[in-house]
PDB file of N, CA and C in Angstrom:
ATOM      1  N   MET A   1      44.621 -18.196   8.023  1.00  0.00           N
ATOM      2  CA  MET A   1      43.572 -18.583   7.102  1.00  0.00           C
ATOM      3  C   MET A   1      42.315 -19.024   7.865  1.00  0.00           C
ATOM      4  N   LEU A   2      42.541 -19.830   8.896  1.00  0.00           N
ATOM      5  CA  LEU A   2      41.414 -20.319   9.694  1.00  0.00           C
ATOM      6  C   LEU A   2      40.717 -19.178  10.423  1.00  0.00           C
ATOM      7  N   THR A   3      41.477 -18.207  10.858  1.00  0.00           N
ATOM      8  CA  THR A   3      40.921 -17.054  11.561  1.00  0.00           C
ATOM      9  C   THR A   3      40.041 -16.220  10.628  1.00  0.00           C
ATOM     10  N   ILE A   4      40.465 -16.070   9.398  1.00  0.00           N
ATOM     11  CA  ILE A   4      39.685 -15.304   8.414  1.00  0.00           C
ATOM     12  C   ILE A   4      38.362 -16.000   8.134  1.00  0.00           C
ATOM     13  N   LEU A   5      38.388 -17.312   7.971  1.00  0.00           N
ATOM     14  CA  LEU A   5      37.151 -18.065   7.740  1.00  0.00           C
ATOM     15  C   LEU A   5      36.216 -17.968   8.943  1.00  0.00           C
ATOM     16  N   LEU A   6      36.777 -18.041  10.141  1.00  0.00           N
ATOM     17  CA  LEU A   6      35.976 -17.930  11.357  1.00  0.00           C
ATOM     18  C   LEU A   6      35.308 -16.554  11.440  1.00  0.00           C
ATOM     19  N   VAL A   7      36.024 -15.504  11.123  1.00  0.00           N
ATOM     20  CA  VAL A   7      35.466 -14.159  11.137  1.00  0.00           C
ATOM     21  C   VAL A   7      34.370 -14.027  10.088  1.00  0.00           C
ATOM     22  N   ILE A   8      34.600 -14.579   8.902  1.00  0.00           N
ATOM     23  CA  ILE A   8      33.593 -14.521   7.831  1.00  0.00           C
ATOM     24  C   ILE A   8      32.327 -15.268   8.250  1.00  0.00           C
ATOM     25  N   PHE A   9      32.469 -16.448   8.839  1.00  0.00           N
ATOM     26  CA  PHE A   9      31.305 -17.212   9.284  1.00  0.00           C
ATOM     27  C   PHE A   9      30.553 -16.499  10.408  1.00  0.00           C
ATOM     28  N   CYS A  10      31.285 -15.879  11.305  1.00  0.00           N
ATOM     29  CA  CYS A  10      30.634 -15.134  12.399  1.00  0.00           C
ATOM     30  C   CYS A  10      29.861 -13.936  11.863  1.00  0.00           C
ATOM     31  N   LEU A  11      30.480 -13.203  10.953  1.00  0.00           N
ATOM     32  CA  LEU A  11      29.790 -12.050  10.370  1.00  0.00           C
ATOM     33  C   LEU A  11      28.565 -12.470   9.568  1.00  0.00           C
ATOM     34  N   SER A  12      28.700 -13.531   8.775  1.00  0.00           N
ATOM     35  CA  SER A  12      27.544 -13.985   7.982  1.00  0.00           C
ATOM     36  C   SER A  12      26.442 -14.524   8.890  1.00  0.00           C
ATOM     37  N   GLY A  13      26.823 -15.154   9.999  1.00  0.00           N
ATOM     38  CA  GLY A  13      25.826 -15.627  10.961  1.00  0.00           C
ATOM     39  C   GLY A  13      25.069 -14.470  11.601  1.00  0.00           C
ATOM     40  N   CYS A  14      25.780 -13.405  11.925  1.00  0.00           N
ATOM     41  CA  CYS A  14      25.135 -12.221  12.495  1.00  0.00           C
ATOM     42  C   CYS A  14      24.196 -11.567  11.485  1.00  0.00           C
ATOM     43  N   VAL A  15      24.637 -11.466  10.251  1.00  0.00           N
ATOM     44  CA  VAL A  15      23.805 -10.862   9.203  1.00  0.00           C
ATOM     45  C   VAL A  15      22.565 -11.715   8.968  1.00  0.00           C
ATOM     46  N   LEU A  16      22.726 -13.028   8.866  1.00  0.00           N
ATOM     47  CA  LEU A  16      21.575 -13.912   8.661  1.00  0.00           C
ATOM     48  C   LEU A  16      20.609 -13.864   9.844  1.00  0.00           C
ATOM     49  N   GLY A  17      21.156 -13.798  11.053  1.00  0.00           N
ATOM     50  CA  GLY A  17      20.300 -13.699  12.236  1.00  0.00           C
ATOM     51  C   GLY A  17      19.490 -12.412  12.244  1.00  0.00           C
ATOM     52  N   TYR A  18      20.130 -11.302  11.906  1.00  0.00           N
ATOM     53  CA  TYR A  18      19.425 -10.018  11.879  1.00  0.00           C
ATOM     54  C   TYR A  18      18.346 -10.000  10.799  1.00  0.00           C
ATOM     55  N   THR A  19      18.668 -10.493   9.617  1.00  0.00           N
ATOM     56  CA  THR A  19      17.672 -10.480   8.534  1.00  0.00           C
ATOM     57  C   THR A  19      16.499 -11.397   8.859  1.00  0.00           C
ATOM     58  N   THR A  20      16.761 -12.526   9.475  1.00  0.00           N
ATOM     59  CA  THR A  20      15.674 -13.429   9.867  1.00  0.00           C
ATOM     60  C   THR A  20      14.768 -12.766  10.896  1.00  0.00           C
ATOM     61  N   TYR A  21      15.370 -12.120  11.882  1.00  0.00           N
ATOM     62  CA  TYR A  21      14.587 -11.418  12.903  1.00  0.00           C
ATOM     63  C   TYR A  21      13.763 -10.292  12.271  1.00  0.00           C
ATOM     64  N   ASN A  22      14.359  -9.553  11.372  1.00  0.00           N
ATOM     65  CA  ASN A  22      13.667  -8.446  10.718  1.00  0.00           C
ATOM     66  C   ASN A  22      12.486  -8.958   9.890  1.00  0.00           C
ATOM     67  N   LEU A  23      12.686 -10.033   9.150  1.00  0.00           N
ATOM     68  CA  LEU A  23      11.602 -10.597   8.346  1.00  0.00           C
ATOM     69  C   LEU A  23      10.486 -11.157   9.224  1.00  0.00           C
ATOM     70  N   LEU A  24      10.846 -11.763  10.341  1.00  0.00           N
ATOM     71  CA  LEU A  24       9.834 -12.281  11.266  1.00  0.00           C
ATOM     72  C   LEU A  24       8.989 -11.153  11.828  1.00  0.00           C
ATOM     73  N   ARG A  25       9.637 -10.051  12.195  1.00  0.00           N
ATOM     74  CA  ARG A  25       8.918  -8.891  12.729  1.00  0.00           C
ATOM     75  C   ARG A  25       7.953  -8.314  11.695  1.00  0.00           C
ATOM     76  N   LYS A  26       8.394  -8.214  10.445  1.00  0.00           N
ATOM     77  CA  LYS A  26       7.530  -7.709   9.378  1.00  0.00           C
ATOM     78  C   LYS A  26       6.368  -8.658   9.115  1.00  0.00           C
ATOM     79  N   ASN A  27       6.633  -9.950   9.126  1.00  0.00           N
ATOM     80  CA  ASN A  27       5.585 -10.939   8.889  1.00  0.00           C
ATOM     81  C   ASN A  27       4.508 -10.859   9.966  1.00  0.00           C
ATOM     82  N   GLU A  28       4.913 -10.714  11.207  1.00  0.00           N
ATOM     83  CA  GLU A  28       3.944 -10.599  12.299  1.00  0.00           C
ATOM     84  C   GLU A  28       3.116  -9.326  12.163  1.00  0.00           C
ATOM     85  N   ALA A  29       3.731  -8.250  11.702  1.00  0.00           N
ATOM     86  CA  ALA A  29       2.991  -7.005  11.497  1.00  0.00           C
ATOM     87  C   ALA A  29       1.958  -7.176  10.389  1.00  0.00           C
ATOM     88  N   TYR A  30       2.327  -7.870   9.313  1.00  0.00           N
ATOM     89  CA  TYR A  30       1.379  -8.112   8.222  1.00  0.00           C
ATOM     90  C   TYR A  30       0.233  -9.010   8.665  1.00  0.00           C
ATOM     91  N   GLU A  31       0.524 -10.026   9.464  1.00  0.00           N
ATOM     92  CA  GLU A  31      -0.531 -10.902   9.973  1.00  0.00           C
ATOM     93  C   GLU A  31      -1.508 -10.132  10.852  1.00  0.00           C
ATOM     94  N   THR A  32      -0.998  -9.271  11.694  1.00  0.00           N
ATOM     95  CA  THR A  32      -1.850  -8.461  12.560  1.00  0.00           C
ATOM     96  C   THR A  32      -2.742  -7.546  11.739  1.00  0.00           C
ATOM     97  N   GLU A  33      -2.163  -6.920  10.726  1.00  0.00           N
ATOM     98  CA  GLU A  33      -2.935  -6.027   9.858  1.00  0.00           C
ATOM     99  C   GLU A  33      -4.021  -6.799   9.111  1.00  0.00           C
ATOM    100  N   LEU A  34      -3.702  -7.998   8.633  1.00  0.00           N
ATOM    101  CA  LEU A  34      -4.684  -8.812   7.922  1.00  0.00           C
ATOM    102  C   LEU A  34      -5.832  -9.209   8.842  1.00  0.00           C
ATOM    103  N   GLU A  35      -5.532  -9.546  10.077  1.00  0.00           N
ATOM    104  CA  GLU A  35      -6.587  -9.880  11.037  1.00  0.00           C
ATOM    105  C   GLU A  35      -7.465  -8.670  11.329  1.00  0.00           C
ATOM    106  N   GLU A  36      -6.871  -7.488  11.416  1.00  0.00           N
ATOM    107  CA  GLU A  36      -7.655  -6.278  11.650  1.00  0.00           C
ATOM    108  C   GLU A  36      -8.563  -5.971  10.463  1.00  0.00           C
ATOM    109  N   ILE A  37      -8.064  -6.157   9.256  1.00  0.00           N
ATOM    110  CA  ILE A  37      -8.884  -5.940   8.063  1.00  0.00           C
ATOM    111  C   ILE A  37     -10.048  -6.916   8.046  1.00  0.00           C
ATOM    112  N   TYR A  38      -9.778  -8.184   8.348  1.00  0.00           N
ATOM    113  CA  TYR A  38     -10.836  -9.186   8.387  1.00  0.00           C
ATOM    114  C   TYR A  38     -11.887  -8.808   9.420  1.00  0.00           C
ATOM    115  N   THR A  39     -11.454  -8.366  10.591  1.00  0.00           N
ATOM    116  CA  THR A  39     -12.384  -7.991  11.654  1.00  0.00           C
ATOM    117  C   THR A  39     -13.242  -6.806  11.228  1.00  0.00           C
ATOM    118  N   ARG A  40     -12.626  -5.814  10.604  1.00  0.00           N
ATOM    119  CA  ARG A  40     -13.378  -4.637  10.153  1.00  0.00           C
ATOM    120  C   ARG A  40     -14.411  -5.002   9.097  1.00  0.00           C
ATOM    121  N   ILE A  41     -14.030  -5.833   8.153  1.00  0.00           N
ATOM    122  CA  ILE A  41     -14.971  -6.239   7.103  1.00  0.00           C
ATOM    123  C   ILE A  41     -16.100  -7.054   7.712  1.00  0.00           C
ATOM    124  N   SER A  42     -15.762  -7.937   8.636  1.00  0.00           N
ATOM    125  CA  SER A  42     -16.775  -8.761   9.287  1.00  0.00           C
ATOM    126  C   SER A  42     -17.760  -7.900  10.076  1.00  0.00           C
ATOM    127  N   ILE A  43     -17.257  -6.926  10.809  1.00  0.00           N
ATOM    128  CA  ILE A  43     -18.128  -6.022  11.572  1.00  0.00           C
ATOM    129  C   ILE A  43     -19.012  -5.221  10.622  1.00  0.00           C
ATOM    130  N   THR A  44     -18.435  -4.762   9.518  1.00  0.00           N
ATOM    131  CA  THR A  44     -19.209  -4.004   8.535  1.00  0.00           C
ATOM    132  C   THR A  44     -20.342  -4.844   7.967  1.00  0.00           C
ATOM    133  N   LEU A  45     -20.047  -6.087   7.602  1.00  0.00           N
ATOM    134  CA  LEU A  45     -21.082  -6.964   7.047  1.00  0.00           C
ATOM    135  C   LEU A  45     -22.164  -7.249   8.082  1.00  0.00           C
ATOM    136  N   HIS A  46     -21.764  -7.529   9.320  1.00  0.00           N
ATOM    137  CA  HIS A  46     -22.760  -7.800  10.360  1.00  0.00           C
ATOM    138  C   HIS A  46     -23.603  -6.563  10.657  1.00  0.00           C
ATOM    139  N   THR A  47     -22.988  -5.393  10.644  1.00  0.00           N
ATOM    140  CA  THR A  47     -23.730  -4.153  10.869  1.00  0.00           C
ATOM    141  C   THR A  47     -24.715  -3.908   9.736  1.00  0.00           C
ATOM    142  N   MET A  48     -24.274  -4.143   8.507  1.00  0.00           N
ATOM    143  CA  MET A  48     -25.180  -3.963   7.363  1.00  0.00           C
ATOM    144  C   MET A  48     -26.361  -4.928   7.453  1.00  0.00           C
ATOM    145  N   ARG A  49     -26.089  -6.148   7.866  1.00  0.00           N
ATOM    146  CA  ARG A  49     -27.187  -7.116   8.003  1.00  0.00           C
ATOM    147  C   ARG A  49     -28.121  -6.743   9.147  1.00  0.00           C
ATOM    148  N   ALA A  50     -27.577  -6.187  10.223  1.00  0.00           N
ATOM    149  CA  ALA A  50     -28.417  -5.757  11.340  1.00  0.00           C
ATOM    150  C   ALA A  50     -29.300  -4.583  10.937  1.00  0.00           C
ATOM    151  N   ILE A  51     -28.764  -3.667  10.146  1.00  0.00           N
ATOM    152  CA  ILE A  51     -29.551  -2.531   9.666  1.00  0.00           C
ATOM    153  C   ILE A  51     -30.649  -3.013   8.726  1.00  0.00           C
ATOM    154  N   ASP A  52     -30.332  -4.013   7.930  1.00  0.00           N
ATOM    155  CA  ASP A  52     -31.266  -4.535   6.932  1.00  0.00           C
ATOM    156  C   ASP A  52     -31.950  -5.796   7.461  1.00  0.00           C
ATOM    157  N   GLU A  53     -32.731  -5.638   8.528  1.00  0.00           N
ATOM    158  CA  GLU A  53     -33.377  -6.781   9.178  1.00  0.00           C
ATOM    159  C   GLU A  53     -34.348  -7.509   8.249  1.00  0.00           C
ATOM    160  N   ARG A  54     -35.070  -6.763   7.431  1.00  0.00           N
ATOM    161  CA  ARG A  54     -36.072  -7.381   6.556  1.00  0.00           C
ATOM    162  C   ARG A  54     -35.507  -7.794   5.196  1.00  0.00           C
ATOM    163  N   LYS A  55     -34.204  -7.675   5.028  1.00  0.00           N
ATOM    164  CA  LYS A  55     -33.497  -8.068   3.808  1.00  0.00           C
ATOM    165  C   LYS A  55     -34.006  -7.347   2.570  1.00  0.00           C
ATOM    166  N   MET A  56     -34.487  -6.128   2.754  1.00  0.00           N
ATOM    167  CA  MET A  56     -34.971  -5.347   1.611  1.00  0.00           C
ATOM    168  C   MET A  56     -33.803  -4.874   0.754  1.00  0.00           C
ATOM    169  N   PHE A  57     -32.700  -4.468   1.395  1.00  0.00           N
ATOM    170  CA  PHE A  57     -31.562  -3.968   0.640  1.00  0.00           C
ATOM    171  C   PHE A  57     -30.697  -5.108   0.102  1.00  0.00           C
ATOM    172  N   GLU A  58     -30.592  -6.183   0.863  1.00  0.00           N
ATOM    173  CA  GLU A  58     -29.740  -7.294   0.441  1.00  0.00           C
ATOM    174  C   GLU A  58     -30.256  -7.938  -0.839  1.00  0.00           C
ATOM    175  N   THR A  59     -31.579  -7.939  -1.016  1.00  0.00           N
ATOM    176  CA  THR A  59     -32.141  -8.528  -2.229  1.00  0.00           C
ATOM    177  C   THR A  59     -32.208  -7.541  -3.379  1.00  0.00           C
ATOM    178  N   ASP A  60     -31.937  -6.274  -3.120  1.00  0.00           N
ATOM    179  CA  ASP A  60     -31.906  -5.262  -4.164  1.00  0.00           C
ATOM    180  C   ASP A  60     -30.707  -5.516  -5.076  1.00  0.00           C
ATOM    181  N   ASP A  61     -30.842  -5.136  -6.342  1.00  0.00           N
ATOM    182  CA  ASP A  61     -29.789  -5.421  -7.315  1.00  0.00           C
ATOM    183  C   ASP A  61     -28.479  -4.713  -6.982  1.00  0.00           C
ATOM    184  N   GLU A  62     -28.511  -3.402  -6.818  1.00  0.00           N
ATOM    185  CA  GLU A  62     -27.278  -2.643  -6.629  1.00  0.00           C
ATOM    186  C   GLU A  62     -26.727  -2.771  -5.218  1.00  0.00           C
ATOM    187  N   VAL A  63     -27.573  -2.571  -4.230  1.00  0.00           N
ATOM    188  CA  VAL A  63     -27.115  -2.639  -2.835  1.00  0.00           C
ATOM    189  C   VAL A  63     -26.807  -4.077  -2.454  1.00  0.00           C
ATOM    190  N   GLY A  64     -27.559  -5.007  -2.980  1.00  0.00           N
ATOM    191  CA  GLY A  64     -27.308  -6.422  -2.702  1.00  0.00           C
ATOM    192  C   GLY A  64     -25.953  -6.869  -3.200  1.00  0.00           C
ATOM    193  N   ALA A  65     -25.474  -6.235  -4.242  1.00  0.00           N
ATOM    194  CA  ALA A  65     -24.145  -6.576  -4.756  1.00  0.00           C
ATOM    195  C   ALA A  65     -23.075  -6.275  -3.718  1.00  0.00           C
ATOM    196  N   VAL A  66     -23.253  -5.206  -2.942  1.00  0.00           N
ATOM    197  CA  VAL A  66     -22.290  -4.871  -1.886  1.00  0.00           C
ATOM    198  C   VAL A  66     -22.296  -5.955  -0.816  1.00  0.00           C
ATOM    199  N   PHE A  67     -23.470  -6.425  -0.437  1.00  0.00           N
ATOM    200  CA  PHE A  67     -23.570  -7.506   0.541  1.00  0.00           C
ATOM    201  C   PHE A  67     -22.812  -8.736   0.057  1.00  0.00           C
ATOM    202  N   HIS A  68     -23.044  -9.095  -1.184  1.00  0.00           N
ATOM    203  CA  HIS A  68     -22.410 -10.301  -1.730  1.00  0.00           C
ATOM    204  C   HIS A  68     -20.902 -10.125  -1.897  1.00  0.00           C
ATOM    205  N   GLN A  69     -20.445  -8.933  -2.253  1.00  0.00           N
ATOM    206  CA  GLN A  69     -19.012  -8.690  -2.376  1.00  0.00           C
ATOM    207  C   GLN A  69     -18.322  -8.770  -1.020  1.00  0.00           C
ATOM    208  N   LEU A  70     -18.941  -8.189   0.005  1.00  0.00           N
ATOM    209  CA  LEU A  70     -18.365  -8.288   1.352  1.00  0.00           C
ATOM    210  C   LEU A  70     -18.331  -9.740   1.830  1.00  0.00           C
ATOM    211  N   SER A  71     -19.380 -10.467   1.530  1.00  0.00           N
ATOM    212  CA  SER A  71     -19.422 -11.868   1.906  1.00  0.00           C
ATOM    213  C   SER A  71     -18.340 -12.661   1.182  1.00  0.00           C
ATOM    214  N   ASP A  72     -18.119 -12.359  -0.082  1.00  0.00           N
ATOM    215  CA  ASP A  72     -17.068 -13.035  -0.848  1.00  0.00           C
ATOM    216  C   ASP A  72     -15.678 -12.722  -0.294  1.00  0.00           C
ATOM    217  N   VAL A  73     -15.454 -11.460   0.088  1.00  0.00           N
ATOM    218  CA  VAL A  73     -14.164 -11.075   0.659  1.00  0.00           C
ATOM    219  C   VAL A  73     -13.928 -11.825   1.969  1.00  0.00           C
ATOM    220  N   LEU A  74     -14.962 -11.925   2.800  1.00  0.00           N
ATOM    221  CA  LEU A  74     -14.826 -12.657   4.055  1.00  0.00           C
ATOM    222  C   LEU A  74     -14.544 -14.136   3.803  1.00  0.00           C
ATOM    223  N   SER A  75     -15.202 -14.702   2.804  1.00  0.00           N
ATOM    224  CA  SER A  75     -14.972 -16.108   2.480  1.00  0.00           C
ATOM    225  C   SER A  75     -13.553 -16.337   1.984  1.00  0.00           C
ATOM    226  N   THR A  76     -13.002 -15.351   1.303  1.00  0.00           N
ATOM    227  CA  THR A  76     -11.630 -15.466   0.812  1.00  0.00           C
ATOM    228  C   THR A  76     -10.616 -15.302   1.940  1.00  0.00           C
ATOM    229  N   LEU A  77     -10.865 -14.383   2.857  1.00  0.00           N
ATOM    230  CA  LEU A  77      -9.918 -14.107   3.938  1.00  0.00           C
ATOM    231  C   LEU A  77      -9.954 -15.152   5.050  1.00  0.00           C
ATOM    232  N   ARG A  78     -11.094 -15.758   5.282  1.00  0.00           N
ATOM    233  CA  ARG A  78     -11.246 -16.689   6.410  1.00  0.00           C
ATOM    234  C   ARG A  78     -10.223 -17.819   6.384  1.00  0.00           C
ATOM    235  N   PRO A  79     -10.045 -18.545   5.273  1.00  0.00           N
ATOM    236  CA  PRO A  79      -9.044 -19.624   5.292  1.00  0.00           C
ATOM    237  C   PRO A  79      -7.612 -19.106   5.413  1.00  0.00           C
ATOM    238  N   ILE A  80      -7.351 -17.912   4.903  1.00  0.00           N
ATOM    239  CA  ILE A  80      -6.003 -17.351   4.995  1.00  0.00           C
ATOM    240  C   ILE A  80      -5.662 -17.049   6.443  1.00  0.00           C
ATOM    241  N   ILE A  81      -6.598 -16.481   7.170  1.00  0.00           N
ATOM    242  CA  ILE A  81      -6.329 -16.075   8.552  1.00  0.00           C
ATOM    243  C   ILE A  81      -6.329 -17.274   9.494  1.00  0.00           C
ATOM    244  N   TYR A  82      -7.334 -18.110   9.382  1.00  0.00           N
ATOM    245  CA  TYR A  82      -7.478 -19.210  10.329  1.00  0.00           C
ATOM    246  C   TYR A  82      -6.885 -20.520   9.849  1.00  0.00           C
ATOM    247  N   GLY A  83      -6.592 -20.631   8.569  1.00  0.00           N
ATOM    248  CA  GLY A  83      -5.991 -21.851   8.041  1.00  0.00           C
ATOM    249  C   GLY A  83      -6.945 -23.022   7.956  1.00  0.00           C
ATOM    250  N   ILE A  84      -8.246 -22.734   7.982  1.00  0.00           N
ATOM    251  CA  ILE A  84      -9.246 -23.797   7.882  1.00  0.00           C
ATOM    252  C   ILE A  84     -10.287 -23.390   6.849  1.00  0.00           C
ATOM    253  N   PRO A  85     -10.960 -24.356   6.248  1.00  0.00           N
ATOM    254  CA  PRO A  85     -11.995 -24.020   5.253  1.00  0.00           C
ATOM    255  C   PRO A  85     -13.171 -23.280   5.877  1.00  0.00           C
ATOM    256  N   ASP A  86     -13.983 -22.663   5.022  1.00  0.00           N
ATOM    257  CA  ASP A  86     -15.133 -21.860   5.456  1.00  0.00           C
ATOM    258  C   ASP A  86     -16.117 -22.666   6.296  1.00  0.00           C
ATOM    259  N   GLU A  87     -16.377 -23.891   5.913  1.00  0.00           N
ATOM    260  CA  GLU A  87     -17.400 -24.690   6.598  1.00  0.00           C
ATOM    261  C   GLU A  87     -17.031 -24.934   8.060  1.00  0.00           C
ATOM    262  N   GLU A  88     -15.747 -25.171   8.338  1.00  0.00           N
ATOM    263  CA  GLU A  88     -15.335 -25.424   9.707  1.00  0.00           C
ATOM    264  C   GLU A  88     -15.421 -24.176  10.555  1.00  0.00           C
ATOM    265  N   THR A  89     -15.155 -23.002   9.969  1.00  0.00           N
ATOM    266  CA  THR A  89     -15.238 -21.751  10.704  1.00  0.00           C
ATOM    267  C   THR A  89     -16.693 -21.421  11.000  1.00  0.00           C
ATOM    268  N   GLU A  90     -17.585 -21.709  10.081  1.00  0.00           N
ATOM    269  CA  GLU A  90     -19.012 -21.432  10.281  1.00  0.00           C
ATOM    270  C   GLU A  90     -19.545 -22.215  11.471  1.00  0.00           C
ATOM    271  N   LYS A  91     -19.040 -23.449  11.704  1.00  0.00           N
ATOM    272  CA  LYS A  91     -19.524 -24.280  12.804  1.00  0.00           C
ATOM    273  C   LYS A  91     -19.111 -23.727  14.148  1.00  0.00           C
ATOM    274  N   ASN A  92     -17.945 -23.058  14.224  1.00  0.00           N
ATOM    275  CA  ASN A  92     -17.422 -22.557  15.510  1.00  0.00           C
ATOM    276  C   ASN A  92     -18.104 -21.348  15.984  1.00  0.00           C
TER     277      ASN A  92
END
C-alpha cells in the first residue's frame, strides 16, 4: 500500500513539475512578445513624430487620431511591461 502511494506521489510530482516548467516557458515567450510589440509601437510613434516636425499632421482631425491612438496604446502597455505608472517611466 505504501509503495503504491509513493509511486502515485512521484508520478504526480513529475507531472506537476513538467506542467509548471511548460507554463513558465510559455509565460516568458508571451512577455518577450509583449515587449517587442511595445517597442515596435514606440518606434512607430517616435518615427511619426519625427516625420511630423511641425505638428501639421498631429493636429489634423483624421491623422491626429492615429497619433493619439498610438499614444494611448503606449500608455496602456507601459505599466503592464514595466510595472510602474506612466509618470515614473516618463522621468527615466
